[in-house]
Every structure is written in structure tokens, then in C-alpha cells.
């Protein structure tokens, strides 16, 4: 039997590009979602941003999983 699992692979934030990336895979398919931010105050809290990105990572991944 070919078992396919939905995998929440990773999430990241690129300070230089001001862009978040979220990666998932299901069987042989990979998904990468990118979100670009146009105006980010450089004094942002990295721990708060990380928590927000983690929540987005789970939410976006759940949407892919349900599809």
C-alpha cells in the first residue's frame, strides 16, 4: 500500500526580502506558499512574529490538507 501523509515541512521569514515562506508536502506533491510584506517596522518583535508565522503555517497547512 502506498501510504501518503500530509507533512507540515517548514516555515521561515527572510528579513532582506520581507517575505514569509511556508512549505508542505503530500505524497509526491510539494506546496510552497509565499507572503510578501510591503512595510515592516524594523523594530518588530522576532518572537511575536515567529508565533504569528507559526499560526499562519498551521492555518495555511490545514487549508491544503482539507483540499
Protein backbone atom coordinates (compact mmCIF):
# COMPACT_ATOMS: atom_id res chain seq x y z
CA UNK A 1 0.00 0.00 0.00
CA UNK A 2 1.30 3.46 -0.89
CA UNK A 3 0.81 5.48 2.28
CA UNK A 4 0.58 9.22 1.74
CA UNK A 5 0.98 11.62 4.61
CA UNK A 6 0.44 15.34 4.73
CA UNK A 7 3.61 16.89 6.15
CA UNK A 8 3.98 20.38 7.58
CA UNK A 9 7.57 20.78 6.37
CA UNK A 10 8.76 24.26 7.44
CA UNK A 11 8.14 27.97 7.72
CA UNK A 12 10.60 30.85 7.58
CA UNK A 13 10.95 34.60 7.33
CA UNK A 14 13.51 36.37 5.13
CA UNK A 15 14.36 39.77 6.65
CA UNK A 16 16.01 41.06 3.47
CA UNK A 17 13.07 40.25 1.20
CA UNK A 18 10.45 40.86 3.93
CA UNK A 19 8.86 37.59 2.89
CA UNK A 20 7.45 34.60 4.74
CA UNK A 21 7.54 31.11 3.23
CA UNK A 22 5.50 28.05 4.23
CA UNK A 23 6.28 24.56 2.92
CA UNK A 24 4.16 21.41 2.93
CA UNK A 25 4.08 18.10 1.11
CA UNK A 26 1.61 15.33 0.44
CA UNK A 27 2.92 12.18 -1.16
CA UNK A 28 4.90 13.25 -4.22
CA UNK A 29 3.42 16.77 -4.24
CA UNK A 30 5.11 19.77 -2.61
CA UNK A 31 3.49 23.10 -1.85
CA UNK A 32 5.25 26.38 -1.10
CA UNK A 33 3.26 29.44 -0.14
CA UNK A 34 4.98 32.85 -0.01
CA UNK A 35 3.68 36.03 1.58
CA UNK A 36 5.43 39.35 0.88
CA UNK A 37 5.14 42.24 3.32
CA UNK A 38 5.43 45.75 1.92
CA UNK A 39 6.09 47.77 5.09
CA UNK A 40 7.67 46.22 8.17
CA UNK A 41 8.95 48.32 11.03
CA UNK A 42 12.49 47.12 11.72
CA UNK A 43 11.79 47.26 15.47
CA UNK A 44 9.38 44.32 15.30
CA UNK A 45 9.49 41.61 17.96
CA UNK A 46 11.02 38.48 16.43
CA UNK A 47 9.37 36.14 18.98
CA UNK A 48 5.94 37.67 18.29
CA UNK A 49 6.48 37.42 14.52
CA UNK A 50 7.55 33.79 14.91
CA UNK A 51 4.38 32.95 16.86
CA UNK A 52 2.23 34.68 14.22
CA UNK A 53 4.04 32.85 11.40
CA UNK A 54 3.60 29.52 13.19
CA UNK A 55 -0.14 30.15 13.46
CA UNK A 56 -0.27 31.07 9.75
CA UNK A 57 1.77 27.92 8.98
CA UNK A 58 -0.82 25.73 10.71
CA UNK A 59 -3.79 27.58 9.22
CA UNK A 60 -2.49 27.50 5.63
CA UNK A 61 -1.45 23.86 6.00
CA UNK A 62 -4.87 22.88 7.33
CA UNK A 63 -6.45 24.51 4.28
CA UNK A 64 -4.19 22.47 1.96
CA UNK A 65 -4.92 19.30 3.94
CA UNK A 66 -8.69 19.78 3.64
CA UNK A 67 -8.45 20.32 -0.12
